[in-house]
Protein backbone atom coordinates (compact mmCIF):
# COMPACT_ATOMS: atom_id res chain seq x y z
CA UNK A 1 -94.32 86.92 1.80
CA UNK A 2 -93.46 86.39 5.38
CA UNK A 3 -95.31 88.20 8.17
CA UNK A 4 -93.74 89.05 11.65
CA UNK A 5 -96.11 89.55 14.61
CA UNK A 6 -94.73 91.15 17.77
CA UNK A 7 -96.12 89.36 20.77
CA UNK A 8 -97.50 91.29 23.68
CA UNK A 9 -96.82 89.41 26.85
CA UNK A 10 -95.72 89.74 30.51
CA UNK A 11 -93.02 87.14 30.11
CA UNK A 12 -95.32 84.42 31.38
CA UNK A 13 -98.53 84.74 29.28
CA UNK A 14 -99.28 85.86 25.81
CA UNK A 15 -101.97 88.60 25.89
CA UNK A 16 -105.17 88.05 23.98
CA UNK A 17 -104.49 90.93 21.75
CA UNK A 18 -101.66 89.04 20.22
CA UNK A 19 -104.01 86.17 19.12
CA UNK A 20 -106.26 88.58 17.35
CA UNK A 21 -103.27 90.20 15.59
CA UNK A 22 -102.24 86.73 14.34
CA UNK A 23 -105.61 86.39 12.75
CA UNK A 24 -105.09 89.70 10.92
CA UNK A 25 -101.66 88.53 9.78
CA UNK A 26 -102.98 85.29 8.40
CA UNK A 27 -105.35 87.25 6.24
CA UNK A 28 -102.40 88.59 4.50
CA UNK A 29 -100.32 85.41 4.34
CA UNK A 30 -100.12 82.03 6.10
CA UNK A 31 -96.38 82.29 6.71
CA UNK A 32 -96.60 84.04 10.09
CA UNK A 33 -93.73 84.25 12.51
CA UNK A 34 -94.04 85.38 16.19
CA UNK A 35 -91.41 87.41 17.98
CA UNK A 36 -91.33 86.96 21.74
CA UNK A 37 -88.80 89.23 23.20
CA UNK A 38 -88.28 89.53 26.91
CA UNK A 39 -86.38 87.93 29.88
CA UNK A 40 -87.10 84.79 31.88
CA UNK A 41 -90.02 84.18 29.61
CA UNK A 42 -90.41 80.32 29.55
CA UNK A 43 -94.04 80.49 30.16
CA UNK A 44 -94.72 82.91 27.26
CA UNK A 45 -92.50 80.91 24.94
CA UNK A 46 -94.38 77.68 25.69
CA UNK A 47 -97.79 79.40 24.99
CA UNK A 48 -96.44 80.95 21.80
CA UNK A 49 -95.16 77.68 20.35
CA UNK A 50 -98.59 76.11 21.04
CA UNK A 51 -100.74 78.80 19.12
CA UNK A 52 -102.52 77.57 16.12
CA UNK A 53 -101.26 79.12 12.82
CA UNK A 54 -97.76 80.10 13.79
CA UNK A 55 -95.03 78.75 11.60
CA UNK A 56 -92.08 79.85 13.66
CA UNK A 57 -91.45 81.47 17.12
CA UNK A 58 -88.53 83.82 17.36
CA UNK A 59 -86.96 84.11 20.82
CA UNK A 60 -85.14 87.25 21.89
CA UNK A 61 -83.83 86.90 25.36
CA UNK A 62 -82.19 89.78 27.21
CA UNK A 63 -82.49 91.50 30.53
CA UNK A 64 -82.98 94.81 28.68
CA UNK A 65 -86.18 93.39 27.02
CA UNK A 66 -87.82 92.29 30.25
CA UNK A 67 -90.09 95.30 30.36
CA UNK A 68 -90.69 95.83 26.60
CA UNK A 69 -89.14 99.27 26.51
CA UNK A 70 -89.74 100.68 23.12
CA UNK A 71 -86.15 101.88 22.68
CA UNK A 72 -84.79 98.53 23.16
CA UNK A 73 -87.47 96.32 21.57
CA UNK A 74 -87.52 98.42 18.37
CA UNK A 75 -83.88 97.69 17.71
CA UNK A 76 -84.50 93.96 17.89
CA UNK A 77 -87.49 94.29 15.51
CA UNK A 78 -85.45 96.33 13.04
CA UNK A 79 -82.62 93.80 12.99
CA UNK A 80 -85.15 91.19 11.83
CA UNK A 81 -87.10 93.51 9.39
CA UNK A 82 -85.11 92.50 6.22
CA UNK A 83 -86.70 89.01 6.38
CA UNK A 84 -90.40 90.36 6.35
CA UNK A 85 -92.72 92.23 4.17
CA UNK A 86 -95.19 93.02 6.99
CA UNK A 87 -94.57 93.66 10.70
CA UNK A 88 -97.74 93.64 12.82
CA UNK A 89 -98.49 94.43 16.52
CA UNK A 90 -101.62 95.03 18.48
CA UNK A 91 -102.88 98.60 18.52
CA UNK A 92 -102.76 98.52 22.39
CA UNK A 93 -100.65 100.80 24.59
CA UNK A 94 -97.72 98.26 23.90
CA UNK A 95 -98.14 98.48 20.09
CA UNK A 96 -98.64 102.29 20.10
CA UNK A 97 -95.52 102.62 22.05
CA UNK A 98 -93.23 100.35 20.03
CA UNK A 99 -94.34 100.54 16.47
CA UNK A 100 -94.00 104.29 15.56
CA UNK A 101 -90.36 104.00 16.68
CA UNK A 102 -89.90 100.98 14.31
CA UNK A 103 -91.44 102.78 11.42
CA UNK A 104 -89.21 105.77 12.01
CA UNK A 105 -86.02 103.60 12.20
CA UNK A 106 -87.06 101.80 9.01
CA UNK A 107 -88.09 105.08 7.27
CA UNK A 108 -91.48 103.84 6.35
CA UNK A 109 -95.07 104.84 7.09
CA UNK A 110 -97.09 103.21 9.78
CA UNK A 111 -100.55 102.01 8.99
CA UNK A 112 -102.37 102.39 12.41
CA UNK A 113 -105.30 100.63 13.95
CA UNK A 114 -106.50 98.56 11.13
CA UNK A 115 -109.98 97.05 11.27
CA UNK A 116 -109.99 94.96 8.10
CA UNK A 117 -107.46 93.37 5.61
CA UNK A 118 -108.40 93.76 1.97
CA UNK A 119 -105.13 92.29 0.62
CA UNK A 120 -101.39 92.54 1.41
CA UNK A 121 -101.33 96.25 0.40
CA UNK A 122 -104.72 97.46 1.31
CA UNK A 123 -106.36 97.85 4.72
CA UNK A 124 -109.31 99.59 6.38
CA UNK A 125 -108.89 101.84 9.45
CA UNK A 126 -111.14 104.28 11.27
CA UNK A 127 -110.72 108.03 10.88
CA UNK A 128 -112.42 111.06 12.44
CA UNK A 129 -112.85 109.37 15.77
CA UNK A 130 -114.41 106.26 14.13
CA UNK A 131 -117.06 108.36 12.27
CA UNK A 132 -115.67 107.13 8.94
CA UNK A 133 -113.69 104.18 7.63
CA UNK A 134 -110.69 104.93 5.26
CA UNK A 135 -109.40 102.32 2.80
CA UNK A 136 -105.65 102.75 2.71
CA UNK A 137 -103.35 101.24 0.07
CA UNK A 138 -99.62 101.38 0.71
CA UNK A 139 -96.96 101.08 -1.91
CA UNK A 140 -94.15 100.73 0.75
CA UNK A 141 -92.15 97.59 0.37
CA UNK A 142 -92.33 97.06 4.13
CA UNK A 143 -95.63 97.52 5.98
CA UNK A 144 -95.65 98.58 9.59
CA UNK A 145 -99.19 97.78 10.86
CA UNK A 146 -100.98 98.02 14.13
CA UNK A 147 -104.12 96.02 14.59
CA UNK A 148 -107.39 96.80 16.44
CA UNK A 149 -107.63 93.46 18.14
CA UNK A 150 -111.28 93.85 18.98
CA UNK A 151 -112.13 93.64 15.12
CA UNK A 152 -110.55 90.22 14.66
CA UNK A 153 -111.36 86.93 16.30
CA UNK A 154 -108.56 85.39 18.23
CA UNK A 155 -106.87 82.38 16.84
CA UNK A 156 -106.94 79.16 18.84
CA UNK A 157 -104.19 79.31 21.53
CA UNK A 158 -103.76 75.58 21.38
CA UNK A 159 -102.97 72.94 18.74
CA UNK A 160 -99.85 74.43 17.24
CA UNK A 161 -96.35 73.02 17.40
CA UNK A 162 -94.18 75.85 16.06
CA UNK A 163 -90.39 75.40 16.35
CA UNK A 164 -88.49 78.10 18.37
CA UNK A 165 -85.45 79.89 16.92
CA UNK A 166 -83.17 82.04 18.99
CA UNK A 167 -82.39 85.47 17.61
CA UNK A 168 -79.48 87.67 18.77
CA UNK A 169 -80.48 90.69 20.86
CA UNK A 170 -78.40 93.75 21.20
CA UNK A 171 -76.15 93.60 24.22
CA UNK A 172 -75.80 97.39 24.69
CA UNK A 173 -79.23 98.42 25.87
CA UNK A 174 -77.76 101.29 27.82
CA UNK A 175 -79.58 104.45 26.75
CA UNK A 176 -82.85 103.69 28.47
CA UNK A 177 -83.29 101.99 31.86
CA UNK A 178 -86.45 100.64 33.57
CA UNK A 179 -86.97 102.43 36.89
CA UNK A 180 -90.36 101.28 38.31
CA UNK A 181 -93.89 100.26 37.26
CA UNK A 182 -96.97 101.45 38.99
CA UNK A 183 -100.18 99.60 37.98
CA UNK A 184 -103.62 98.98 39.31
CA UNK A 185 -104.21 95.54 40.74
CA UNK A 186 -107.62 94.03 40.35
CA UNK A 187 -109.37 90.62 40.53
CA UNK A 188 -111.81 91.78 37.82
CA UNK A 189 -111.25 90.80 34.16
CA UNK A 190 -108.93 92.75 32.01
CA UNK A 191 -110.78 95.64 30.48
CA UNK A 192 -109.75 95.07 26.84
CA UNK A 193 -110.57 91.29 26.87
CA UNK A 194 -113.61 91.22 29.25
CA UNK A 195 -116.99 89.90 27.96
CA UNK A 196 -118.90 92.38 30.08
CA UNK A 197 -117.91 95.94 30.75
CA UNK A 198 -119.68 98.36 33.05
CA UNK A 199 -118.58 101.92 32.59
CA UNK A 200 -119.36 105.16 34.46
CA UNK A 201 -119.22 108.87 33.32
CA UNK A 202 -119.30 112.26 34.66
CA UNK A 203 -122.98 111.71 35.67
CA UNK A 204 -121.95 109.32 38.48
CA UNK A 205 -120.94 112.51 40.41
CA UNK A 206 -117.78 111.54 42.28
CA UNK A 207 -115.19 108.88 42.94
CA UNK A 208 -117.13 107.75 46.07
CA UNK A 209 -120.25 107.25 44.06
CA UNK A 210 -118.35 105.38 41.40
CA UNK A 211 -117.06 103.05 44.10
CA UNK A 212 -120.50 102.65 45.55
CA UNK A 213 -122.54 102.21 42.35
CA UNK A 214 -120.42 101.16 39.32
CA UNK A 215 -117.93 98.75 40.92
CA UNK A 216 -120.49 96.62 42.89
CA UNK A 217 -122.58 96.27 39.71
CA UNK A 218 -119.50 95.14 37.74
CA UNK A 219 -118.59 92.71 40.48
CA UNK A 220 -122.15 91.40 40.42
CA UNK A 221 -121.94 90.74 36.65
CA UNK A 222 -118.32 89.49 36.65
CA UNK A 223 -117.48 92.50 34.50
CA UNK A 224 -114.60 94.76 34.00
CA UNK A 225 -114.86 98.45 35.07
CA UNK A 226 -114.42 101.23 32.53
CA UNK A 227 -114.91 104.99 32.48
CA UNK A 228 -115.37 107.92 30.22
CA UNK A 229 -112.57 110.45 29.70
CA UNK A 230 -114.68 112.98 31.69
CA UNK A 231 -114.76 110.53 34.69
CA UNK A 232 -111.02 110.01 34.55
CA UNK A 233 -110.23 113.75 34.13
CA UNK A 234 -112.46 114.51 37.09
CA UNK A 235 -110.37 112.08 39.19
CA UNK A 236 -113.15 109.56 39.93
CA UNK A 237 -110.93 106.63 38.69
CA UNK A 238 -107.33 106.04 37.37
CA UNK A 239 -106.63 106.67 33.69
CA UNK A 240 -106.20 102.92 32.98
CA UNK A 241 -110.00 102.76 33.28
CA UNK A 242 -110.58 105.02 30.37
CA UNK A 243 -112.44 103.75 27.34
CA UNK A 244 -112.29 105.83 24.22
CA UNK A 245 -110.17 107.03 21.36
CA UNK A 246 -107.44 108.15 23.74
CA UNK A 247 -108.09 105.20 26.11
CA UNK A 248 -108.73 101.57 25.64
CA UNK A 249 -110.77 100.16 22.65
CA UNK A 250 -113.22 97.48 23.83
CA UNK A 251 -115.87 95.39 22.10
CA UNK A 252 -117.42 93.17 24.72
CA UNK A 253 -120.54 91.03 24.46
CA UNK A 254 -122.25 93.54 26.85
CA UNK A 255 -121.31 97.17 27.43
CA UNK A 256 -123.16 99.11 30.03
CA UNK A 257 -122.82 102.89 29.93
CA UNK A 258 -124.00 104.59 33.07
CA UNK A 259 -123.99 108.32 33.41
CA UNK A 260 -122.04 108.64 30.10
CA UNK A 261 -123.30 111.22 27.59
CA UNK A 262 -121.61 109.57 24.60
CA UNK A 263 -118.98 112.02 23.29
CA UNK A 264 -117.38 111.00 20.02
CA UNK A 265 -114.15 110.32 21.78
CA UNK A 266 -115.85 107.73 24.04
CA UNK A 267 -118.02 106.21 21.21
CA UNK A 268 -114.86 105.49 19.20
CA UNK A 269 -113.72 103.16 21.93
CA UNK A 270 -116.93 100.99 22.55
CA UNK A 271 -119.39 101.33 19.69
CA UNK A 272 -118.39 97.93 18.21
CA UNK A 273 -119.68 96.17 21.41
CA UNK A 274 -122.22 93.41 20.67
CA UNK A 275 -124.90 94.82 22.98
CA UNK A 276 -124.87 98.43 24.45
CA UNK A 277 -127.07 99.41 27.36
CA UNK A 278 -127.22 103.06 28.32
CA UNK A 279 -128.63 104.68 31.47
CA UNK A 280 -128.83 108.47 31.41
CA UNK A 281 -131.35 111.05 32.58
CA UNK A 282 -130.76 113.14 29.48
CA UNK A 283 -132.99 111.67 26.73
CA UNK A 284 -131.06 113.68 24.04
CA UNK A 285 -127.68 112.12 25.10
CA UNK A 286 -125.72 110.88 22.05
CA UNK A 287 -125.08 107.46 23.69
CA UNK A 288 -128.75 106.60 22.95
CA UNK A 289 -127.90 106.72 19.26
CA UNK A 290 -125.68 103.69 19.44
CA UNK A 291 -127.39 101.91 22.30
CA UNK A 292 -129.39 98.69 21.87
CA UNK A 293 -131.28 99.37 25.02
CA UNK A 294 -131.57 102.85 26.58
CA UNK A 295 -133.15 103.80 29.87
CA UNK A 296 -133.90 107.46 30.50
CA UNK A 297 -133.64 107.51 34.24
CA UNK A 298 -131.70 108.77 37.29
CA UNK A 299 -128.78 106.32 37.67
CA UNK A 300 -128.85 106.89 41.54
CA UNK A 301 -132.17 105.22 41.67
CA UNK A 302 -131.81 102.79 38.82
CA UNK A 303 -128.46 101.14 39.58
CA UNK A 304 -129.46 100.25 43.22
CA UNK A 305 -132.74 98.83 41.93
CA UNK A 306 -130.86 96.86 39.25
CA UNK A 307 -128.46 95.46 41.96
CA UNK A 308 -131.48 94.31 44.01
CA UNK A 309 -133.04 92.49 41.04
CA UNK A 310 -129.70 90.81 40.13
């Protein structure tokens, strides 16, 4: 059986989530092909061909694919689908946007957010906000799968020598047009791939206090900045900071939860972190149930003191 992995990239670099998705694909079969669809993407193609474990890179070049619009990219994927038993993508915003459309066009069920591969038909995935793990067996002839990349080690991005094959992309991408992109620019590590994440919650109190307390601590540690949904909904930070079931899934080496109570929605996005440190003045906060180290204290006193000692 041949496996197709959809590469997440910015036309210049392959995202780390793709490398983890390839690991999941190789647990199904070693014949893994990587689709790189975009425009002016020489950098991404060079990286793709060098990834260990890839048998072939498929290049789909078209101006309509430059921004990975789901309406356009899904058509390219479906044109290739007859050659593959499994089509995988990261369960990131990218994958969540594209793959449901692919599944609908192919009239098959999507298996979302898998955390383990049992065999080619059987997978594990979290349900009930991560409170239980379901084992799912699919009898569909074609499996459309998204992969929780934090649960699979990344393959080595070097050492491969895969040939590149050009595939034809539709020339009539005229129903959807890219207008603009607004994104936060930061010198900090990317949230989903950072080794350390410092997150703040509603207990931080305000956007100004978030800037004064959470961000300097993150910078001191070389960490990414995250937030709970409550902090995002309160307007403390933009929604691309949100960690949780409806935000980003992270599993860093160190996760610091400051002023976060630990709602199920948030825990689903960070409970697989290697070490969890929680600071909260409420000793009954649910976050302490998953924390490796918990400090019951006022964050407005503790964080400045921690900054001094660092």
